[in-house]
Amino acid sequence: LRGFPFTAILWYQGESDADRPDRYVPLFRHLVTRWRADFGDPALPFLYVQLAAFGPPDAAPDERSPWATLRAAQDAALALPRVFVTPAIDIGDAGRIHPLNKQEVGRRLALIARAKAYGEKIVFSGPVYKSMEVRGNEIVLSFDNVDGGLLAKGDKLTGFAIAGADRKFVYADAKIVGDTVVVSSAEVPAPAVVYYGWANNPVCNLYNKEGLPAVPFRTSAE
């Protein structure tokens, strides 16, 4: 295929690597840089799909969730230029490792390709974590790609876990305040870290008003 021109690369894979996320980080980055070298384009856009949700929902937050950790290993490639993530956290299937709703995955990939490979001025991403601020017993989260505002699909915002310096995570109360999300729990009077969508199959529902989901994240890895 090296003789053919490519406009972008779309990548969908990762399930079998969930038990070795540390190894996945350098391998995935090498894949990106090697393919760009092979095709003679160091700026070739690389679009990948985060692992979709899979398995039974967790009764309590699990910082060691293998699928969440592998999603973070995938996201390490975002340190490279012109690499873009497509979340699929909301369209997985608890009983199918390969979920059926590929049409929405394709639509989200196409939005990024249109924006980043073809230069269209369109909204291409859901909210992406930018920064946090501790305010007393709450953590205030700020995001990029808000695009018209944040919304929760459902009666209340879900998917957030919070912990203090002891890293004993509990599911948190969360509310949208303007373009931020305020997270707290009565069980964590001195919060230090927030995780969102951090589970094999999290129940999470933060979107922007274009209907694109927030990318799962953690405010601190340690």
N, C-alpha and C. Protein backbone atom coordinates (compact mmCIF):
# COMPACT_ATOMS: atom_id res chain seq x y z
N LEU A 1 0.80 -1.22 0.00
CA LEU A 1 0.00 0.00 0.00
C LEU A 1 0.84 1.27 0.00
N ARG A 2 2.15 1.17 0.12
CA ARG A 2 2.98 2.36 0.28
C ARG A 2 2.92 3.29 -0.93
N GLY A 3 2.60 2.75 -2.10
CA GLY A 3 2.55 3.58 -3.28
C GLY A 3 1.27 4.36 -3.45
N PHE A 4 0.30 4.12 -2.60
CA PHE A 4 -0.98 4.80 -2.71
C PHE A 4 -1.02 6.05 -1.83
N PRO A 5 -1.65 7.12 -2.29
CA PRO A 5 -1.79 8.30 -1.43
C PRO A 5 -2.87 8.08 -0.37
N PHE A 6 -2.60 8.51 0.84
CA PHE A 6 -3.56 8.41 1.93
C PHE A 6 -3.86 9.81 2.47
N THR A 7 -5.12 10.07 2.75
CA THR A 7 -5.51 11.35 3.34
C THR A 7 -5.52 11.27 4.86
N ALA A 8 -5.85 10.10 5.42
CA ALA A 8 -5.87 9.89 6.87
C ALA A 8 -5.91 8.40 7.12
N ILE A 9 -5.64 8.03 8.35
CA ILE A 9 -5.73 6.63 8.80
C ILE A 9 -6.77 6.57 9.92
N LEU A 10 -7.68 5.60 9.82
CA LEU A 10 -8.67 5.35 10.87
C LEU A 10 -8.32 4.01 11.51
N TRP A 11 -8.29 3.98 12.85
CA TRP A 11 -7.84 2.79 13.59
C TRP A 11 -8.89 2.38 14.60
N TYR A 12 -9.29 1.10 14.54
CA TYR A 12 -10.27 0.57 15.49
C TYR A 12 -9.76 -0.78 15.97
N GLN A 13 -9.23 -0.81 17.21
CA GLN A 13 -8.73 -2.06 17.77
C GLN A 13 -8.22 -1.81 19.18
N GLY A 14 -7.90 -2.88 19.88
CA GLY A 14 -7.29 -2.75 21.19
C GLY A 14 -7.78 -3.72 22.25
N GLU A 15 -8.89 -4.44 21.97
CA GLU A 15 -9.48 -5.27 23.03
C GLU A 15 -8.49 -6.30 23.59
N SER A 16 -7.73 -6.94 22.72
CA SER A 16 -6.85 -8.02 23.17
C SER A 16 -5.64 -7.52 23.94
N ASP A 17 -5.45 -6.19 24.01
CA ASP A 17 -4.32 -5.63 24.73
C ASP A 17 -4.68 -5.12 26.13
N ALA A 18 -5.91 -5.37 26.57
CA ALA A 18 -6.36 -4.80 27.83
C ALA A 18 -5.56 -5.30 29.03
N ASP A 19 -4.88 -6.44 28.88
CA ASP A 19 -4.10 -6.95 30.01
C ASP A 19 -2.66 -6.48 29.97
N ARG A 20 -2.28 -5.63 29.00
CA ARG A 20 -0.90 -5.14 28.93
C ARG A 20 -0.87 -3.68 28.47
N PRO A 21 -1.53 -2.79 29.20
CA PRO A 21 -1.61 -1.39 28.76
C PRO A 21 -0.25 -0.69 28.71
N ASP A 22 0.67 -1.05 29.61
CA ASP A 22 1.98 -0.40 29.60
C ASP A 22 2.73 -0.70 28.31
N ARG A 23 2.59 -1.91 27.81
CA ARG A 23 3.24 -2.27 26.55
C ARG A 23 2.55 -1.58 25.38
N TYR A 24 1.27 -1.34 25.50
CA TYR A 24 0.51 -0.74 24.40
C TYR A 24 0.96 0.69 24.12
N VAL A 25 1.37 1.42 25.15
CA VAL A 25 1.73 2.83 24.97
C VAL A 25 2.83 3.00 23.93
N PRO A 26 4.02 2.37 24.07
CA PRO A 26 5.06 2.57 23.06
C PRO A 26 4.72 1.91 21.72
N LEU A 27 4.01 0.78 21.75
CA LEU A 27 3.68 0.10 20.50
C LEU A 27 2.73 0.94 19.66
N PHE A 28 1.75 1.54 20.28
CA PHE A 28 0.76 2.32 19.54
C PHE A 28 1.42 3.58 18.95
N ARG A 29 2.25 4.23 19.73
CA ARG A 29 2.97 5.39 19.21
C ARG A 29 3.88 4.99 18.06
N HIS A 30 4.53 3.85 18.18
CA HIS A 30 5.41 3.38 17.11
C HIS A 30 4.60 3.09 15.84
N LEU A 31 3.41 2.52 16.01
CA LEU A 31 2.55 2.25 14.87
C LEU A 31 2.27 3.54 14.10
N VAL A 32 1.91 4.58 14.82
CA VAL A 32 1.58 5.86 14.19
C VAL A 32 2.80 6.41 13.44
N THR A 33 3.92 6.48 14.11
CA THR A 33 5.10 7.11 13.49
C THR A 33 5.65 6.25 12.35
N ARG A 34 5.57 4.92 12.48
CA ARG A 34 6.08 4.04 11.42
C ARG A 34 5.20 4.13 10.18
N TRP A 35 3.89 4.12 10.35
CA TRP A 35 3.02 4.23 9.18
C TRP A 35 3.21 5.58 8.49
N ARG A 36 3.35 6.62 9.26
CA ARG A 36 3.60 7.92 8.65
C ARG A 36 4.91 7.91 7.85
N ALA A 37 5.91 7.27 8.38
CA ALA A 37 7.18 7.16 7.65
C ALA A 37 7.00 6.32 6.39
N ASP A 38 6.29 5.21 6.50
CA ASP A 38 6.08 4.33 5.35
C ASP A 38 5.33 5.04 4.22
N PHE A 39 4.38 5.87 4.58
CA PHE A 39 3.59 6.57 3.57
C PHE A 39 4.19 7.93 3.20
N GLY A 40 5.34 8.26 3.79
CA GLY A 40 6.04 9.46 3.41
C GLY A 40 5.35 10.75 3.81
N ASP A 41 4.59 10.70 4.90
CA ASP A 41 3.84 11.89 5.33
C ASP A 41 3.89 11.98 6.85
N PRO A 42 4.82 12.76 7.41
CA PRO A 42 4.93 12.85 8.87
C PRO A 42 3.75 13.52 9.54
N ALA A 43 2.89 14.18 8.78
CA ALA A 43 1.72 14.85 9.35
C ALA A 43 0.41 14.14 8.99
N LEU A 44 0.50 12.90 8.52
CA LEU A 44 -0.71 12.16 8.14
C LEU A 44 -1.65 12.05 9.33
N PRO A 45 -2.90 12.55 9.23
CA PRO A 45 -3.82 12.46 10.36
C PRO A 45 -4.09 11.00 10.75
N PHE A 46 -4.09 10.75 12.04
CA PHE A 46 -4.34 9.40 12.57
C PHE A 46 -5.51 9.50 13.54
N LEU A 47 -6.61 8.84 13.21
CA LEU A 47 -7.84 8.89 14.01
C LEU A 47 -8.07 7.50 14.58
N TYR A 48 -8.23 7.41 15.89
CA TYR A 48 -8.47 6.10 16.51
C TYR A 48 -9.72 6.13 17.36
N VAL A 49 -10.30 4.95 17.54
CA VAL A 49 -11.50 4.79 18.35
C VAL A 49 -11.11 4.22 19.71
N GLN A 50 -11.48 4.92 20.77
CA GLN A 50 -11.28 4.37 22.12
C GLN A 50 -12.09 3.09 22.28
N LEU A 51 -11.62 2.21 23.14
CA LEU A 51 -12.39 1.01 23.44
C LEU A 51 -13.80 1.37 23.89
N ALA A 52 -14.77 0.70 23.31
CA ALA A 52 -16.16 0.89 23.74
C ALA A 52 -16.37 0.23 25.10
N ALA A 53 -17.49 0.55 25.73
CA ALA A 53 -17.84 -0.07 27.00
C ALA A 53 -18.13 -1.56 26.79
N PHE A 54 -17.80 -2.35 27.80
CA PHE A 54 -18.01 -3.80 27.70
C PHE A 54 -18.06 -4.40 29.10
N GLY A 55 -18.92 -5.39 29.29
CA GLY A 55 -19.01 -6.11 30.55
C GLY A 55 -20.03 -5.50 31.49
N PRO A 56 -20.24 -6.13 32.65
CA PRO A 56 -21.22 -5.62 33.61
C PRO A 56 -20.75 -4.32 34.25
N PRO A 57 -21.68 -3.41 34.57
CA PRO A 57 -21.29 -2.18 35.26
C PRO A 57 -20.68 -2.49 36.62
N ASP A 58 -19.73 -1.67 37.05
CA ASP A 58 -19.06 -1.88 38.33
C ASP A 58 -19.91 -1.33 39.47
N ALA A 59 -19.97 -2.07 40.57
CA ALA A 59 -20.72 -1.61 41.74
C ALA A 59 -20.03 -0.46 42.45
N ALA A 60 -18.70 -0.38 42.31
CA ALA A 60 -17.91 0.68 42.94
C ALA A 60 -16.79 1.07 41.98
N PRO A 61 -16.27 2.28 42.10
CA PRO A 61 -15.17 2.70 41.22
C PRO A 61 -13.96 1.79 41.37
N ASP A 62 -13.34 1.44 40.25
CA ASP A 62 -12.17 0.57 40.24
C ASP A 62 -11.05 1.27 39.49
N GLU A 63 -10.09 1.80 40.23
CA GLU A 63 -8.99 2.53 39.61
C GLU A 63 -8.17 1.65 38.69
N ARG A 64 -8.23 0.32 38.88
CA ARG A 64 -7.43 -0.61 38.09
C ARG A 64 -8.21 -1.24 36.94
N SER A 65 -9.36 -0.70 36.63
CA SER A 65 -10.16 -1.23 35.52
C SER A 65 -9.29 -1.45 34.28
N PRO A 66 -9.23 -2.70 33.77
CA PRO A 66 -8.33 -2.96 32.63
C PRO A 66 -8.73 -2.22 31.36
N TRP A 67 -10.03 -2.12 31.08
CA TRP A 67 -10.43 -1.45 29.84
C TRP A 67 -10.24 0.06 29.96
N ALA A 68 -10.48 0.61 31.13
CA ALA A 68 -10.24 2.04 31.32
C ALA A 68 -8.75 2.34 31.20
N THR A 69 -7.91 1.48 31.75
CA THR A 69 -6.47 1.69 31.69
C THR A 69 -5.97 1.58 30.25
N LEU A 70 -6.55 0.66 29.48
CA LEU A 70 -6.16 0.55 28.07
C LEU A 70 -6.61 1.77 27.28
N ARG A 71 -7.78 2.34 27.62
CA ARG A 71 -8.19 3.59 26.96
C ARG A 71 -7.15 4.69 27.22
N ALA A 72 -6.67 4.76 28.46
CA ALA A 72 -5.65 5.76 28.77
C ALA A 72 -4.36 5.49 28.02
N ALA A 73 -4.02 4.21 27.83
CA ALA A 73 -2.83 3.87 27.05
C ALA A 73 -3.00 4.28 25.59
N GLN A 74 -4.20 4.10 25.06
CA GLN A 74 -4.47 4.61 23.71
C GLN A 74 -4.27 6.12 23.66
N ASP A 75 -4.79 6.81 24.67
CA ASP A 75 -4.76 8.27 24.67
C ASP A 75 -3.35 8.84 24.79
N ALA A 76 -2.39 8.01 25.22
CA ALA A 76 -1.01 8.50 25.29
C ALA A 76 -0.50 8.90 23.90
N ALA A 77 -1.10 8.33 22.85
CA ALA A 77 -0.70 8.69 21.49
C ALA A 77 -1.11 10.11 21.12
N LEU A 78 -2.01 10.71 21.91
CA LEU A 78 -2.42 12.08 21.63
C LEU A 78 -1.28 13.07 21.82
N ALA A 79 -0.20 12.63 22.47
CA ALA A 79 0.98 13.49 22.60
C ALA A 79 1.66 13.72 21.25
N LEU A 80 1.39 12.86 20.29
CA LEU A 80 1.92 13.04 18.94
C LEU A 80 1.06 14.05 18.19
N PRO A 81 1.63 14.79 17.25
CA PRO A 81 0.83 15.75 16.50
C PRO A 81 -0.16 15.06 15.57
N ARG A 82 -1.29 15.70 15.39
CA ARG A 82 -2.32 15.27 14.44
C ARG A 82 -2.81 13.85 14.68
N VAL A 83 -2.94 13.50 15.96
CA VAL A 83 -3.60 12.27 16.39
C VAL A 83 -4.89 12.67 17.10
N PHE A 84 -5.98 11.99 16.79
CA PHE A 84 -7.30 12.40 17.29
C PHE A 84 -8.06 11.18 17.80
N VAL A 85 -8.82 11.37 18.88
CA VAL A 85 -9.54 10.29 19.52
C VAL A 85 -11.04 10.38 19.23
N THR A 86 -11.63 9.22 18.99
CA THR A 86 -13.08 9.10 18.84
C THR A 86 -13.60 8.24 19.99
N PRO A 87 -14.32 8.82 20.95
CA PRO A 87 -14.85 8.01 22.05
C PRO A 87 -16.03 7.16 21.59
N ALA A 88 -16.13 5.96 22.16
CA ALA A 88 -17.27 5.08 21.91
C ALA A 88 -17.82 4.56 23.23
N ILE A 89 -17.57 5.33 24.30
CA ILE A 89 -17.90 4.87 25.64
C ILE A 89 -19.39 4.70 25.84
N ASP A 90 -20.20 5.42 25.06
CA ASP A 90 -21.66 5.42 25.22
C ASP A 90 -22.38 4.49 24.26
N ILE A 91 -21.66 3.82 23.37
CA ILE A 91 -22.33 2.97 22.38
C ILE A 91 -21.77 1.56 22.39
N GLY A 92 -21.25 1.14 23.54
CA GLY A 92 -20.78 -0.23 23.69
C GLY A 92 -21.95 -1.16 23.98
N ASP A 93 -21.63 -2.40 24.24
CA ASP A 93 -22.63 -3.43 24.53
C ASP A 93 -22.06 -4.32 25.61
N ALA A 94 -22.77 -4.40 26.74
CA ALA A 94 -22.26 -5.16 27.88
C ALA A 94 -21.96 -6.61 27.51
N GLY A 95 -22.71 -7.17 26.57
CA GLY A 95 -22.55 -8.58 26.25
C GLY A 95 -21.81 -8.87 24.95
N ARG A 96 -21.41 -7.83 24.22
CA ARG A 96 -20.73 -8.02 22.94
C ARG A 96 -19.41 -7.25 22.95
N ILE A 97 -18.31 -7.97 22.77
CA ILE A 97 -17.03 -7.28 22.76
C ILE A 97 -16.91 -6.40 21.51
N HIS A 98 -17.63 -6.76 20.45
CA HIS A 98 -17.71 -5.92 19.25
C HIS A 98 -19.14 -5.38 19.15
N PRO A 99 -19.39 -4.17 19.64
CA PRO A 99 -20.76 -3.64 19.65
C PRO A 99 -21.29 -3.43 18.24
N LEU A 100 -22.62 -3.43 18.14
CA LEU A 100 -23.26 -3.42 16.82
C LEU A 100 -23.32 -2.03 16.19
N ASN A 101 -23.32 -0.98 17.00
CA ASN A 101 -23.57 0.35 16.45
C ASN A 101 -22.31 0.94 15.84
N LYS A 102 -21.91 0.39 14.70
CA LYS A 102 -20.73 0.92 14.01
C LYS A 102 -21.06 2.18 13.21
N GLN A 103 -22.35 2.38 12.91
CA GLN A 103 -22.71 3.56 12.13
C GLN A 103 -22.34 4.84 12.88
N GLU A 104 -22.62 4.89 14.19
CA GLU A 104 -22.29 6.09 14.96
C GLU A 104 -20.79 6.25 15.11
N VAL A 105 -20.07 5.13 15.25
CA VAL A 105 -18.61 5.21 15.28
C VAL A 105 -18.10 5.84 13.99
N GLY A 106 -18.63 5.38 12.86
CA GLY A 106 -18.23 5.92 11.58
C GLY A 106 -18.57 7.39 11.43
N ARG A 107 -19.74 7.78 11.93
CA ARG A 107 -20.15 9.19 11.84
C ARG A 107 -19.19 10.07 12.63
N ARG A 108 -18.80 9.64 13.82
CA ARG A 108 -17.89 10.44 14.64
C ARG A 108 -16.50 10.52 14.01
N LEU A 109 -16.02 9.41 13.46
CA LEU A 109 -14.75 9.44 12.75
C LEU A 109 -14.82 10.40 11.56
N ALA A 110 -15.94 10.36 10.85
CA ALA A 110 -16.09 11.22 9.67
C ALA A 110 -16.07 12.69 10.06
N LEU A 111 -16.66 13.04 11.20
CA LEU A 111 -16.62 14.44 11.64
C LEU A 111 -15.19 14.90 11.85
N ILE A 112 -14.37 14.06 12.49
CA ILE A 112 -12.98 14.43 12.71
C ILE A 112 -12.24 14.53 11.38
N ALA A 113 -12.46 13.56 10.50
CA ALA A 113 -11.79 13.58 9.20
C ALA A 113 -12.17 14.83 8.41
N ARG A 114 -13.44 15.18 8.43
CA ARG A 114 -13.88 16.37 7.71
C ARG A 114 -13.21 17.63 8.26
N ALA A 115 -13.06 17.67 9.59
CA ALA A 115 -12.47 18.86 10.22
C ALA A 115 -10.96 18.89 10.08
N LYS A 116 -10.30 17.75 10.32
CA LYS A 116 -8.85 17.76 10.46
C LYS A 116 -8.10 17.30 9.21
N ALA A 117 -8.74 16.51 8.35
CA ALA A 117 -8.09 16.11 7.11
C ALA A 117 -8.54 16.98 5.93
N TYR A 118 -9.78 17.47 5.99
CA TYR A 118 -10.33 18.22 4.87
C TYR A 118 -10.59 19.70 5.20
N GLY A 119 -10.38 20.09 6.45
CA GLY A 119 -10.42 21.50 6.80
C GLY A 119 -11.78 22.13 6.92
N GLU A 120 -12.84 21.34 7.08
CA GLU A 120 -14.17 21.92 7.27
C GLU A 120 -14.30 22.54 8.66
N LYS A 121 -15.03 23.63 8.76
CA LYS A 121 -15.24 24.31 10.03
C LYS A 121 -16.50 23.76 10.69
N ILE A 122 -16.36 22.61 11.32
CA ILE A 122 -17.50 21.94 11.96
C ILE A 122 -17.09 21.50 13.36
N VAL A 123 -18.09 21.24 14.19
CA VAL A 123 -17.84 20.65 15.52
C VAL A 123 -17.51 19.18 15.32
N PHE A 124 -16.38 18.74 15.82
CA PHE A 124 -15.92 17.38 15.55
C PHE A 124 -15.67 16.55 16.81
N SER A 125 -15.80 17.16 17.98
CA SER A 125 -15.44 16.46 19.21
C SER A 125 -16.38 16.84 20.33
N GLY A 126 -16.59 15.89 21.25
CA GLY A 126 -17.27 16.20 22.48
C GLY A 126 -16.33 16.86 23.47
N PRO A 127 -16.80 17.16 24.67
CA PRO A 127 -15.97 17.83 25.68
C PRO A 127 -14.70 17.02 26.00
N VAL A 128 -13.60 17.74 26.10
CA VAL A 128 -12.31 17.14 26.45
C VAL A 128 -11.79 17.83 27.71
N TYR A 129 -11.45 17.05 28.71
CA TYR A 129 -10.97 17.61 29.98
C TYR A 129 -9.79 18.54 29.76
N LYS A 130 -9.83 19.73 30.39
CA LYS A 130 -8.76 20.72 30.26
C LYS A 130 -8.06 20.96 31.59
N SER A 131 -8.82 21.23 32.66
CA SER A 131 -8.18 21.58 33.93
C SER A 131 -9.16 21.39 35.07
N MET A 132 -8.63 21.43 36.30
CA MET A 132 -9.46 21.30 37.49
C MET A 132 -9.03 22.34 38.52
N GLU A 133 -9.97 22.67 39.40
CA GLU A 133 -9.69 23.58 40.51
C GLU A 133 -10.42 23.07 41.74
N VAL A 134 -9.70 22.91 42.84
CA VAL A 134 -10.32 22.51 44.10
C VAL A 134 -10.87 23.75 44.78
N ARG A 135 -12.14 23.72 45.11
CA ARG A 135 -12.79 24.80 45.83
C ARG A 135 -13.48 24.22 47.06
N GLY A 136 -12.76 24.22 48.17
CA GLY A 136 -13.32 23.64 49.39
C GLY A 136 -13.52 22.15 49.25
N ASN A 137 -14.76 21.70 49.37
CA ASN A 137 -15.06 20.26 49.28
C ASN A 137 -15.53 19.86 47.88
N GLU A 138 -15.27 20.73 46.88
CA GLU A 138 -15.69 20.45 45.50
C GLU A 138 -14.49 20.56 44.56
N ILE A 139 -14.60 19.90 43.44
CA ILE A 139 -13.65 20.07 42.34
C ILE A 139 -14.41 20.59 41.13
N VAL A 140 -13.91 21.67 40.56
CA VAL A 140 -14.54 22.28 39.38
C VAL A 140 -13.70 21.91 38.16
N LEU A 141 -14.36 21.29 37.18
CA LEU A 141 -13.70 20.80 35.98
C LEU A 141 -14.01 21.72 34.80
N SER A 142 -12.98 22.04 34.03
CA SER A 142 -13.15 22.83 32.80
C SER A 142 -12.80 21.98 31.60
N PHE A 143 -13.40 22.33 30.45
CA PHE A 143 -13.29 21.49 29.26
C PHE A 143 -13.02 22.33 28.01
N ASP A 144 -12.34 21.71 27.05
CA ASP A 144 -12.31 22.20 25.69
C ASP A 144 -13.47 21.57 24.92
N ASN A 145 -13.75 22.10 23.74
CA ASN A 145 -14.79 21.56 22.86
C ASN A 145 -16.16 21.52 23.51
N VAL A 146 -16.49 22.59 24.23
CA VAL A 146 -17.82 22.68 24.84
C VAL A 146 -18.87 22.94 23.76
N ASP A 147 -18.58 23.84 22.81
CA ASP A 147 -19.39 24.05 21.61
C ASP A 147 -20.88 24.18 21.90
N GLY A 148 -21.25 25.33 22.43
CA GLY A 148 -22.65 25.61 22.67
C GLY A 148 -23.13 25.26 24.06
N GLY A 149 -22.31 24.55 24.82
CA GLY A 149 -22.69 24.23 26.19
C GLY A 149 -22.62 22.75 26.49
N LEU A 150 -22.64 22.42 27.77
CA LEU A 150 -22.63 21.05 28.24
C LEU A 150 -24.04 20.59 28.55
N LEU A 151 -24.28 19.29 28.44
CA LEU A 151 -25.58 18.75 28.83
C LEU A 151 -25.41 17.33 29.33
N ALA A 152 -26.37 16.92 30.14
CA ALA A 152 -26.44 15.54 30.62
C ALA A 152 -27.59 14.86 29.91
N LYS A 153 -27.33 13.70 29.32
CA LYS A 153 -28.40 12.93 28.70
C LYS A 153 -29.01 12.04 29.78
N GLY A 154 -30.12 12.50 30.33
CA GLY A 154 -30.76 11.78 31.42
C GLY A 154 -31.16 12.73 32.52
N ASP A 155 -31.66 12.16 33.62
CA ASP A 155 -32.17 12.98 34.72
C ASP A 155 -31.06 13.68 35.48
N LYS A 156 -29.90 13.04 35.59
CA LYS A 156 -28.80 13.64 36.35
C LYS A 156 -27.48 13.22 35.71
N LEU A 157 -26.44 14.00 36.01
CA LEU A 157 -25.12 13.74 35.46
C LEU A 157 -24.50 12.55 36.19
N THR A 158 -23.95 11.61 35.44
CA THR A 158 -23.37 10.39 36.01
C THR A 158 -21.99 10.14 35.43
N GLY A 159 -21.29 9.19 36.03
CA GLY A 159 -20.01 8.74 35.49
C GLY A 159 -18.79 9.27 36.19
N PHE A 160 -18.97 10.10 37.23
CA PHE A 160 -17.84 10.73 37.92
C PHE A 160 -17.53 9.99 39.22
N ALA A 161 -16.24 9.80 39.48
CA ALA A 161 -15.76 9.26 40.75
C ALA A 161 -14.75 10.25 41.33
N ILE A 162 -14.72 10.35 42.65
CA ILE A 162 -13.88 11.35 43.31
C ILE A 162 -13.15 10.70 44.48
N ALA A 163 -11.97 11.23 44.79
CA ALA A 163 -11.17 10.71 45.91
C ALA A 163 -10.32 11.83 46.47
N GLY A 164 -9.88 11.61 47.71
CA GLY A 164 -8.91 12.50 48.32
C GLY A 164 -7.51 12.01 48.04
N ALA A 165 -6.54 12.49 48.82
CA ALA A 165 -5.15 12.07 48.64
C ALA A 165 -4.96 10.58 48.88
N ASP A 166 -5.89 9.96 49.62
CA ASP A 166 -5.80 8.52 49.90
C ASP A 166 -6.22 7.67 48.70
N ARG A 167 -6.80 8.31 47.67
CA ARG A 167 -7.24 7.64 46.45
C ARG A 167 -8.25 6.53 46.72
N LYS A 168 -9.11 6.75 47.70
CA LYS A 168 -10.24 5.86 47.95
C LYS A 168 -11.45 6.44 47.21
N PHE A 169 -11.72 5.93 46.02
CA PHE A 169 -12.70 6.51 45.14
C PHE A 169 -14.12 6.10 45.52
N VAL A 170 -15.03 7.06 45.38
CA VAL A 170 -16.46 6.81 45.52
C VAL A 170 -17.14 7.50 44.34
N TYR A 171 -18.31 7.01 43.98
CA TYR A 171 -19.08 7.70 42.95
C TYR A 171 -19.51 9.06 43.48
N ALA A 172 -19.46 10.05 42.61
CA ALA A 172 -19.61 11.44 43.04
C ALA A 172 -20.93 12.04 42.57
N ASP A 173 -21.34 13.09 43.25
CA ASP A 173 -22.40 13.96 42.76
C ASP A 173 -21.76 14.94 41.77
N ALA A 174 -22.43 15.19 40.68
CA ALA A 174 -21.88 16.10 39.67
C ALA A 174 -23.01 16.95 39.10
N LYS A 175 -22.69 18.20 38.82
CA LYS A 175 -23.69 19.10 38.23
C LYS A 175 -22.99 20.03 37.25
N ILE A 176 -23.73 20.42 36.22
CA ILE A 176 -23.22 21.35 35.23
C ILE A 176 -23.49 22.77 35.71
N VAL A 177 -22.44 23.57 35.73
CA VAL A 177 -22.55 24.98 36.10
C VAL A 177 -21.88 25.78 34.98
N GLY A 178 -22.69 26.36 34.12
CA GLY A 178 -22.14 27.06 32.96
C GLY A 178 -21.41 26.09 32.05
N ASP A 179 -20.15 26.38 31.77
CA ASP A 179 -19.33 25.49 30.94
C ASP A 179 -18.41 24.62 31.77
N THR A 180 -18.73 24.45 33.06
CA THR A 180 -17.94 23.61 33.93
C THR A 180 -18.80 22.51 34.54
N VAL A 181 -18.14 21.53 35.14
CA VAL A 181 -18.81 20.49 35.92
C VAL A 181 -18.25 20.55 37.34
N VAL A 182 -19.14 20.62 38.31
CA VAL A 182 -18.75 20.67 39.72
C VAL A 182 -19.01 19.30 40.34
N VAL A 183 -17.97 18.71 40.93
CA VAL A 183 -18.01 17.34 41.42
C VAL A 183 -17.72 17.33 42.91
N SER A 184 -18.48 16.53 43.67
CA SER A 184 -18.28 16.46 45.12
C SER A 184 -18.88 15.17 45.66
N SER A 185 -18.55 14.88 46.91
CA SER A 185 -19.17 13.78 47.65
C SER A 185 -19.05 14.07 49.13
N ALA A 186 -20.11 13.78 49.86
CA ALA A 186 -20.07 13.96 51.30
C ALA A 186 -19.05 13.04 51.95
N GLU A 187 -18.66 11.96 51.25
CA GLU A 187 -17.68 11.02 51.78
C GLU A 187 -16.24 11.49 51.57
N VAL A 188 -16.04 12.54 50.79
CA VAL A 188 -14.69 13.01 50.48
C VAL A 188 -14.62 14.52 50.78
N PRO A 189 -14.35 14.88 52.04
CA PRO A 189 -14.36 16.30 52.40
C PRO A 189 -13.18 17.09 51.84
N ALA A 190 -12.09 16.41 51.50
CA ALA A 190 -10.91 17.09 50.95
C ALA A 190 -10.55 16.44 49.62
N PRO A 191 -11.28 16.73 48.55
CA PRO A 191 -11.07 16.03 47.27
C PRO A 191 -9.76 16.44 46.61
N ALA A 192 -9.20 15.49 45.84
CA ALA A 192 -7.93 15.74 45.16
C ALA A 192 -7.93 15.29 43.71
N VAL A 193 -8.76 14.34 43.35
CA VAL A 193 -8.72 13.76 42.01
C VAL A 193 -10.11 13.32 41.59
N VAL A 194 -10.39 13.43 40.30
CA VAL A 194 -11.66 13.00 39.71
C VAL A 194 -11.37 12.10 38.52
N TYR A 195 -12.14 11.03 38.41
CA TYR A 195 -12.14 10.20 37.21
C TYR A 195 -13.52 10.30 36.57
N TYR A 196 -13.55 10.24 35.25
CA TYR A 196 -14.84 10.22 34.53
C TYR A 196 -14.83 9.09 33.51
N GLY A 197 -15.89 8.29 33.53
CA GLY A 197 -15.99 7.18 32.59
C GLY A 197 -14.91 6.14 32.78
N TRP A 198 -14.43 6.04 34.02
CA TRP A 198 -13.28 5.17 34.30
C TRP A 198 -13.78 3.81 34.80
N ALA A 199 -14.14 2.95 33.87
CA ALA A 199 -14.63 1.61 34.19
C ALA A 199 -14.66 0.80 32.90
N ASN A 200 -14.76 -0.52 33.04
CA ASN A 200 -14.93 -1.34 31.84
C ASN A 200 -16.19 -0.91 31.09
N ASN A 201 -17.27 -0.73 31.84
CA ASN A 201 -18.55 -0.35 31.24
C ASN A 201 -19.20 0.73 32.11
N PRO A 202 -18.71 1.96 32.00
CA PRO A 202 -19.23 3.01 32.89
C PRO A 202 -20.60 3.51 32.45
N VAL A 203 -21.34 4.00 33.43
CA VAL A 203 -22.59 4.69 33.14
C VAL A 203 -22.25 6.18 33.17
N CYS A 204 -22.10 6.78 32.01
CA CYS A 204 -21.67 8.18 31.95
C CYS A 204 -22.44 8.89 30.84
N ASN A 205 -22.75 10.17 31.06
CA ASN A 205 -23.69 10.82 30.14
C ASN A 205 -23.42 12.31 29.94
N LEU A 206 -22.15 12.72 29.95
CA LEU A 206 -21.81 14.12 29.67
C LEU A 206 -21.56 14.30 28.17
N TYR A 207 -22.23 15.31 27.60
CA TYR A 207 -22.13 15.60 26.16
C TYR A 207 -22.02 17.11 25.97
N ASN A 208 -21.66 17.51 24.75
CA ASN A 208 -21.90 18.91 24.39
C ASN A 208 -23.22 19.00 23.65
N LYS A 209 -23.64 20.19 23.34
CA LYS A 209 -24.98 20.36 22.76
C LYS A 209 -25.05 19.94 21.29
N GLU A 210 -23.90 19.57 20.72
CA GLU A 210 -23.89 18.95 19.40
C GLU A 210 -24.16 17.45 19.49
N GLY A 211 -24.32 16.94 20.74
CA GLY A 211 -24.62 15.52 20.93
C GLY A 211 -23.42 14.61 20.88
N LEU A 212 -22.21 15.17 21.06
CA LEU A 212 -21.00 14.37 21.05
C LEU A 212 -20.54 14.13 22.49
N PRO A 213 -20.14 12.89 22.83
CA PRO A 213 -19.85 12.55 24.23
C PRO A 213 -18.51 13.07 24.70
N ALA A 214 -18.44 13.34 26.00
CA ALA A 214 -17.16 13.69 26.62
C ALA A 214 -16.21 12.50 26.54
N VAL A 215 -14.94 12.79 26.33
CA VAL A 215 -13.91 11.76 26.30
C VAL A 215 -13.57 11.36 27.73
N PRO A 216 -13.64 10.06 28.09
CA PRO A 216 -13.28 9.64 29.45
C PRO A 216 -11.89 10.14 29.84
N PHE A 217 -11.72 10.45 31.14
CA PHE A 217 -10.46 11.05 31.57
C PHE A 217 -10.23 10.81 33.05
N ARG A 218 -9.03 11.11 33.50
CA ARG A 218 -8.69 11.19 34.91
C ARG A 218 -7.85 12.45 35.10
N THR A 219 -8.10 13.16 36.19
CA THR A 219 -7.38 14.40 36.42
C THR A 219 -5.96 14.14 36.92
N SER A 220 -5.70 12.95 37.41
CA SER A 220 -4.36 12.59 37.88
C SER A 220 -4.20 11.09 37.79
N ALA A 221 -3.05 10.63 37.27
CA ALA A 221 -2.82 9.22 37.14
C ALA A 221 -2.23 8.60 38.38
N GLU A 222 -1.77 9.43 39.32
CA GLU A 222 -1.18 8.88 40.54
C GLU A 222 -1.29 9.90 41.67
